[in-house]
Amino acid sequence: MMITELMDQDDFRVQLQAWGLEGSNRLTLAECSDRLSEVLAGPERELWQERLASLLAKRELLHPEVQAVLNACVK
């Protein structure tokens, strides 16, 4: 099976925006990582952990840079 559609940085930022991370579609990947760290330290931590875990479950469909951000956030 050949994978032709990877979730790249743009897709990742759009998904974060859809989940309510304001302005993420205009942020760099590093800035998204910082914002994710903030929400993971806040009252919605559990919700965001579930969301990020759902993306990590699709590990083979993630661009390596997106996977690195997710791995750093959920460790």
Protein backbone atom coordinates (compact mmCIF):
# COMPACT_ATOMS: atom_id res chain seq x y z
CA MET A 1 0.00 0.00 0.00
CA MET A 2 1.40 3.36 -0.97
CA ILE A 3 0.53 6.36 1.17
CA THR A 4 -0.06 9.40 -0.96
CA GLU A 5 -1.74 11.74 1.53
CA LEU A 6 0.28 12.74 4.56
CA MET A 7 -0.98 15.19 7.15
CA ASP A 8 1.48 18.00 6.60
CA GLN A 9 2.08 21.14 8.63
CA ASP A 10 -0.70 23.07 6.91
CA ASP A 11 -3.22 20.28 7.51
CA PHE A 12 -2.13 20.09 11.13
CA ARG A 13 -2.58 23.82 11.69
CA VAL A 14 -6.02 23.72 10.05
CA GLN A 15 -7.02 20.83 12.35
CA LEU A 16 -5.86 22.74 15.42
CA GLN A 17 -7.86 25.76 14.26
CA ALA A 18 -10.94 23.54 13.79
CA TRP A 19 -10.50 22.28 17.35
CA GLY A 20 -10.48 25.84 18.65
CA LEU A 21 -6.80 26.75 18.92
CA GLU A 22 -7.32 30.34 17.79
CA GLY A 23 -4.99 31.65 15.12
CA SER A 24 -3.16 28.36 14.68
CA ASN A 25 -3.66 28.45 10.92
CA ARG A 26 -1.33 31.49 10.86
CA LEU A 27 1.31 30.16 13.27
CA THR A 28 4.56 28.37 12.57
CA LEU A 29 4.83 24.76 13.65
CA ALA A 30 7.04 25.83 16.58
CA GLU A 31 4.45 28.41 17.67
CA CYS A 32 1.73 25.74 17.45
CA SER A 33 3.85 23.55 19.69
CA ASP A 34 4.11 26.37 22.23
CA ARG A 35 0.34 26.94 22.15
CA LEU A 36 -0.28 23.21 22.56
CA SER A 37 1.98 23.20 25.60
CA GLU A 38 -0.14 26.00 27.06
CA VAL A 39 -3.47 24.23 26.50
CA LEU A 40 -2.04 20.97 27.81
CA ALA A 41 -1.17 22.80 31.02
CA GLY A 42 -4.67 24.23 31.33
CA PRO A 43 -8.11 23.02 32.35
CA GLU A 44 -8.81 21.37 28.96
CA ARG A 45 -5.75 19.16 29.19
CA GLU A 46 -7.63 15.87 29.01
CA LEU A 47 -9.61 16.92 25.93
CA TRP A 48 -6.48 18.03 24.11
CA GLN A 49 -4.61 14.86 25.07
CA GLU A 50 -7.42 12.83 23.50
CA ARG A 51 -7.36 14.95 20.37
CA LEU A 52 -3.61 14.68 19.95
CA ALA A 53 -3.70 10.94 20.70
CA SER A 54 -6.26 10.52 17.91
CA LEU A 55 -3.75 12.06 15.50
CA LEU A 56 -0.89 9.95 16.83
CA ALA A 57 -2.97 6.84 16.23
CA LYS A 58 -2.60 7.67 12.53
CA ARG A 59 1.17 7.80 12.90
CA GLU A 60 1.85 6.41 9.42
CA LEU A 61 -0.14 9.28 7.88
CA LEU A 62 1.75 12.08 9.63
CA HIS A 63 4.51 14.19 8.13
CA PRO A 64 7.66 13.61 10.24
CA GLU A 65 7.69 17.21 11.51
CA VAL A 66 4.05 16.97 12.62
CA GLN A 67 4.76 13.66 14.32
CA ALA A 68 7.71 15.22 16.17
CA VAL A 69 5.50 18.03 17.51
CA LEU A 70 2.86 15.55 18.65
CA ASN A 71 5.42 13.27 20.29
CA ALA A 72 6.89 16.22 22.18
CA CYS A 73 3.45 17.33 23.37
CA VAL A 74 2.23 14.00 24.68
CA LYS A 75 5.34 12.68 26.37
